[in-house]
Amino acid sequence: MHGTAAWLILGAAAIVGSTIGGVAGFGTGVIMIPAIAWSVGVKATVPVLTVCMLVGNSARVWFSRREIEWRVVAAFLVGAVPTTIAGATLYTRIDSEWLSRILGAFMVLAVPLRRWLAHSGVNVRLRHFPLIGAGFGFLSAIVGAVGPLMTPFFLSHGLRKGRYLATDALCTVGAYITRGIMFRRADLLTGPLILTGLYIGVVMIGGAWIGRRLIDRMSEKTFLRILEILLVVFGLQFLLWPAR
């Protein structure tokens, strides 16, 4: 950590990122990755992100707790927990640059995919969520922020606004708890890094509250448009500046 300036930058990024995440259900991690890498180093980015996103997503769960789809969460975590363990185990051994480029391409393609799913009559059913969770668990443990991967699948299941935000956040919390345990056991989460993650996470609570207030005022059409714009923007970021 490089002094007061780094703390201020982390705090500012946390407010912006968690506000976007509170509205769209994703984007917080992608925004935080550069700030965390600059402050504590690339190697520690995903472990710190695990702590702060765990706190931030827990706040989102609390603010929308009455709209959680519990069966979706359970089905998702059946697949996510074991693959999160596998991904976290590989985290220190794999070059994630190629994986980041694939991730970016998927996020950009998620926009036409979502539209096709919406107009084709194809629905993502409950039985599909263990597979979706498995993909998320593995990839998120390696590259840190893959929330946009889940967007078309949750939307195609019929989740919107508060129901989508709450369910997505709780699925993420379950996977991140698993990830944090694995990183701690591997000595990748030291005391100072946990403190940094907690600081970012606490600041994120304010952004999550702002995001929740904004989503109550949006139409479904506006909500979906924001999701698509963010998917393209963050997808291009992964393609042009892949994680290393």
Protein backbone atom coordinates (compact mmCIF):
# COMPACT_ATOMS: atom_id res chain seq x y z
CA MET A 1 0.00 0.00 0.00
CA HIS A 2 1.51 3.28 -1.14
CA GLY A 3 0.27 5.72 1.45
CA THR A 4 -2.82 7.86 1.79
CA ALA A 5 -3.27 8.37 -1.95
CA ALA A 6 -3.70 4.63 -2.46
CA TRP A 7 -6.35 4.42 0.26
CA LEU A 8 -8.24 7.33 -1.31
CA ILE A 9 -8.09 5.78 -4.77
CA LEU A 10 -9.31 2.44 -3.43
CA GLY A 11 -12.16 4.16 -1.62
CA ALA A 12 -13.22 6.17 -4.67
CA ALA A 13 -13.08 3.09 -6.91
CA ALA A 14 -15.13 1.15 -4.34
CA ILE A 15 -17.91 3.75 -4.31
CA VAL A 16 -18.12 3.96 -8.11
CA GLY A 17 -17.84 0.22 -8.63
CA SER A 18 -20.35 -0.80 -5.96
CA THR A 19 -22.89 1.78 -7.18
CA ILE A 20 -22.69 0.30 -10.68
CA GLY A 21 -22.87 -3.18 -9.20
CA GLY A 22 -25.88 -2.20 -7.13
CA VAL A 23 -27.72 -1.15 -10.29
CA ALA A 24 -26.54 -3.75 -12.81
CA GLY A 25 -25.59 -6.68 -10.60
CA PHE A 26 -22.01 -6.77 -11.91
CA GLY A 27 -19.07 -4.53 -12.82
CA THR A 28 -17.78 -3.84 -9.32
CA GLY A 29 -14.95 -6.35 -9.52
CA VAL A 30 -13.84 -5.26 -12.99
CA ILE A 31 -13.58 -1.65 -11.84
CA MET A 32 -11.70 -2.62 -8.66
CA ILE A 33 -9.06 -4.84 -10.28
CA PRO A 34 -6.79 -2.02 -11.60
CA ALA A 35 -7.00 -0.07 -8.33
CA ILE A 36 -6.20 -3.12 -6.21
CA ALA A 37 -3.35 -4.24 -8.48
CA TRP A 38 -1.74 -0.79 -8.29
CA SER A 39 -2.05 -0.67 -4.50
CA VAL A 40 -1.03 -4.16 -3.39
CA GLY A 41 0.36 -5.86 -6.51
CA VAL A 42 -1.09 -8.10 -9.20
CA LYS A 43 -0.45 -11.31 -7.27
CA ALA A 44 -2.63 -10.20 -4.38
CA THR A 45 -5.44 -8.78 -6.51
CA VAL A 46 -7.80 -11.76 -6.55
CA PRO A 47 -7.39 -12.57 -2.81
CA VAL A 48 -8.10 -8.94 -1.84
CA LEU A 49 -10.96 -8.79 -4.32
CA THR A 50 -12.41 -11.89 -2.69
CA VAL A 51 -12.63 -10.17 0.69
CA CYS A 52 -13.99 -6.83 -0.49
CA MET A 53 -16.51 -8.39 -2.89
CA LEU A 54 -17.69 -10.72 -0.16
CA VAL A 55 -18.52 -7.72 2.02
CA GLY A 56 -20.00 -5.70 -0.86
CA ASN A 57 -22.18 -8.52 -2.17
CA SER A 58 -23.36 -9.34 1.35
CA ALA A 59 -24.66 -5.76 1.56
CA ARG A 60 -26.50 -6.21 -1.75
CA VAL A 61 -28.04 -9.41 -0.43
CA TRP A 62 -29.25 -7.61 2.70
CA PHE A 63 -30.77 -4.67 0.82
CA SER A 64 -32.74 -7.04 -1.49
CA ARG A 65 -33.10 -10.01 0.86
CA ARG A 66 -36.87 -10.37 0.36
CA GLU A 67 -36.42 -10.99 -3.37
CA ILE A 68 -33.92 -13.88 -3.27
CA GLU A 69 -34.76 -16.93 -5.38
CA TRP A 70 -33.49 -19.57 -2.97
CA ARG A 71 -33.84 -22.57 -5.28
CA VAL A 72 -31.68 -20.86 -7.90
CA VAL A 73 -29.03 -20.10 -5.28
CA ALA A 74 -28.96 -23.70 -4.06
CA ALA A 75 -28.72 -25.13 -7.58
CA PHE A 76 -25.99 -22.64 -8.51
CA LEU A 77 -23.82 -23.42 -5.48
CA VAL A 78 -24.03 -27.17 -6.06
CA GLY A 79 -21.91 -26.57 -9.14
CA ALA A 80 -19.93 -23.54 -7.96
CA VAL A 81 -18.40 -24.79 -4.71
CA PRO A 82 -16.33 -27.72 -6.06
CA THR A 83 -15.10 -25.82 -9.12
CA THR A 84 -14.20 -22.80 -6.99
CA ILE A 85 -11.96 -25.10 -4.95
CA ALA A 86 -10.34 -26.38 -8.15
CA GLY A 87 -9.90 -22.89 -9.61
CA ALA A 88 -8.41 -21.45 -6.42
CA THR A 89 -5.95 -24.34 -6.30
CA LEU A 90 -4.77 -23.49 -9.82
CA TYR A 91 -4.69 -19.73 -9.24
CA THR A 92 -0.96 -19.45 -8.53
CA ARG A 93 0.05 -21.79 -11.36
CA ILE A 94 -1.82 -20.64 -14.46
CA ASP A 95 -1.33 -17.73 -16.85
CA SER A 96 -4.76 -16.13 -17.09
CA GLU A 97 -4.11 -13.80 -20.04
CA TRP A 98 -5.62 -16.17 -22.60
CA LEU A 99 -8.56 -16.85 -20.32
CA SER A 100 -9.23 -13.13 -19.93
CA ARG A 101 -9.44 -12.68 -23.69
CA ILE A 102 -11.96 -15.49 -23.95
CA LEU A 103 -13.90 -13.92 -21.10
CA GLY A 104 -13.97 -10.55 -22.85
CA ALA A 105 -15.24 -12.13 -26.07
CA PHE A 106 -17.98 -13.91 -24.14
CA MET A 107 -19.13 -10.71 -22.45
CA VAL A 108 -19.40 -8.88 -25.77
CA LEU A 109 -21.26 -11.83 -27.30
CA ALA A 110 -23.53 -11.99 -24.23
CA VAL A 111 -25.56 -9.07 -25.61
CA PRO A 112 -26.79 -10.85 -28.76
CA LEU A 113 -26.99 -14.07 -26.73
CA ARG A 114 -29.32 -12.45 -24.22
CA ARG A 115 -31.48 -10.99 -26.98
CA TRP A 116 -31.65 -14.34 -28.76
CA LEU A 117 -32.65 -16.10 -25.55
CA ALA A 118 -35.27 -13.43 -24.90
CA HIS A 119 -36.90 -13.79 -28.34
CA SER A 120 -36.36 -17.47 -29.11
CA GLY A 121 -38.59 -18.85 -26.41
CA VAL A 122 -35.65 -20.73 -24.88
CA ASN A 123 -35.62 -20.51 -21.09
CA VAL A 124 -32.78 -21.25 -18.71
CA ARG A 125 -34.34 -23.65 -16.22
CA LEU A 126 -33.45 -24.50 -12.67
CA ARG A 127 -31.66 -27.70 -13.69
CA HIS A 128 -29.16 -25.66 -15.73
CA PHE A 129 -27.83 -23.64 -12.78
CA PRO A 130 -25.41 -26.25 -11.40
CA LEU A 131 -23.55 -26.10 -14.74
CA ILE A 132 -23.67 -22.30 -14.78
CA GLY A 133 -22.36 -22.24 -11.22
CA ALA A 134 -19.56 -24.65 -12.12
CA GLY A 135 -18.32 -22.37 -14.89
CA PHE A 136 -18.53 -19.28 -12.70
CA GLY A 137 -16.77 -20.90 -9.75
CA PHE A 138 -13.77 -22.04 -11.76
CA LEU A 139 -13.27 -18.89 -13.84
CA SER A 140 -13.85 -16.43 -11.00
CA ALA A 141 -11.22 -18.11 -8.84
CA ILE A 142 -8.65 -17.56 -11.58
CA VAL A 143 -9.41 -14.12 -13.07
CA GLY A 144 -11.27 -12.56 -10.16
CA ALA A 145 -14.26 -10.87 -11.81
CA VAL A 146 -16.57 -12.85 -14.08
CA GLY A 147 -19.97 -11.67 -12.89
CA PRO A 148 -21.10 -10.63 -16.41
CA LEU A 149 -20.83 -14.26 -17.48
CA MET A 150 -23.95 -15.04 -15.48
CA THR A 151 -26.08 -12.18 -16.77
CA PRO A 152 -27.79 -13.73 -19.82
CA PHE A 153 -28.54 -16.93 -17.94
CA PHE A 154 -30.14 -15.24 -14.93
CA LEU A 155 -32.14 -12.92 -17.16
CA SER A 156 -33.28 -15.81 -19.34
CA HIS A 157 -34.55 -17.55 -16.22
CA GLY A 158 -36.89 -14.58 -15.76
CA LEU A 159 -35.06 -12.76 -12.97
CA ARG A 160 -35.28 -8.97 -13.15
CA LYS A 161 -34.23 -5.97 -11.08
CA GLY A 162 -34.30 -6.75 -7.34
CA ARG A 163 -34.83 -10.50 -7.84
CA TYR A 164 -31.86 -10.67 -10.18
CA LEU A 165 -29.61 -8.49 -8.02
CA ALA A 166 -30.34 -10.34 -4.78
CA THR A 167 -30.06 -13.84 -6.25
CA ASP A 168 -26.88 -13.04 -8.19
CA ALA A 169 -25.29 -11.48 -5.10
CA LEU A 170 -26.05 -14.46 -2.84
CA CYS A 171 -24.71 -16.90 -5.43
CA THR A 172 -21.53 -14.85 -5.54
CA VAL A 173 -21.25 -14.73 -1.74
CA GLY A 174 -21.42 -18.51 -1.50
CA ALA A 175 -18.67 -18.97 -4.10
CA TYR A 176 -16.49 -16.24 -2.57
CA ILE A 177 -16.65 -17.76 0.92
CA THR A 178 -15.28 -20.96 -0.59
CA ARG A 179 -12.62 -19.02 -2.47
CA GLY A 180 -11.57 -17.09 0.63
CA ILE A 181 -11.14 -20.28 2.64
CA MET A 182 -8.91 -21.76 -0.06
CA PHE A 183 -6.76 -18.62 -0.38
CA ARG A 184 -6.39 -18.41 3.38
CA ARG A 185 -5.26 -22.02 3.60
CA ALA A 186 -2.72 -21.35 0.85
CA ASP A 187 -1.37 -18.29 2.74
CA LEU A 188 -2.45 -15.94 -0.05
CA LEU A 189 -4.66 -13.95 2.35
CA THR A 190 -2.42 -12.35 4.95
CA GLY A 191 -3.59 -10.05 7.74
CA PRO A 192 -2.75 -6.78 5.91
CA LEU A 193 -4.48 -7.98 2.73
CA ILE A 194 -7.59 -8.96 4.68
CA LEU A 195 -7.61 -5.48 6.27
CA THR A 196 -7.34 -3.86 2.83
CA GLY A 197 -10.19 -6.00 1.53
CA LEU A 198 -12.38 -5.18 4.53
CA TYR A 199 -11.76 -1.45 4.09
CA ILE A 200 -12.83 -1.62 0.44
CA GLY A 201 -15.81 -3.78 1.32
CA VAL A 202 -17.09 -1.42 3.99
CA VAL A 203 -16.86 1.52 1.58
CA MET A 204 -18.77 -0.58 -0.95
CA ILE A 205 -21.77 -0.77 1.38
CA GLY A 206 -22.49 2.90 0.65
CA GLY A 207 -22.36 2.30 -3.09
CA ALA A 208 -24.59 -0.77 -2.78
CA TRP A 209 -27.18 1.34 -0.94
CA ILE A 210 -27.05 4.04 -3.65
CA GLY A 211 -27.41 1.40 -6.35
CA ARG A 212 -30.41 -0.16 -4.65
CA ARG A 213 -32.16 3.23 -4.49
CA LEU A 214 -31.50 3.80 -8.20
CA ILE A 215 -32.82 0.43 -9.34
CA ASP A 216 -36.20 1.12 -7.70
CA ARG A 217 -36.66 4.07 -10.07
CA MET A 218 -35.74 2.33 -13.33
CA SER A 219 -37.98 0.73 -15.91
CA GLU A 220 -37.16 -2.82 -17.04
CA LYS A 221 -36.18 -1.51 -20.49
CA THR A 222 -33.68 0.94 -19.00
CA PHE A 223 -32.31 -1.74 -16.69
CA LEU A 224 -31.64 -4.13 -19.58
CA ARG A 225 -30.08 -1.38 -21.69
CA ILE A 226 -27.60 -0.55 -18.90
CA LEU A 227 -26.72 -4.22 -18.58
CA GLU A 228 -25.96 -4.51 -22.28
CA ILE A 229 -23.83 -1.36 -22.40
CA LEU A 230 -21.77 -2.47 -19.41
CA LEU A 231 -21.30 -5.95 -20.86
CA VAL A 232 -19.80 -4.50 -24.04
CA VAL A 233 -17.61 -1.95 -22.20
CA PHE A 234 -16.18 -4.44 -19.71
CA GLY A 235 -15.88 -7.13 -22.36
CA LEU A 236 -13.74 -4.85 -24.51
CA GLN A 237 -11.63 -4.04 -21.47
CA PHE A 238 -10.84 -7.73 -20.97
CA LEU A 239 -10.08 -8.17 -24.68
CA LEU A 240 -7.79 -5.15 -24.99
CA TRP A 241 -6.19 -5.27 -21.53
CA PRO A 242 -6.31 -8.92 -20.42
CA ALA A 243 -5.45 -9.81 -16.83
CA ARG A 244 -1.89 -11.01 -16.35
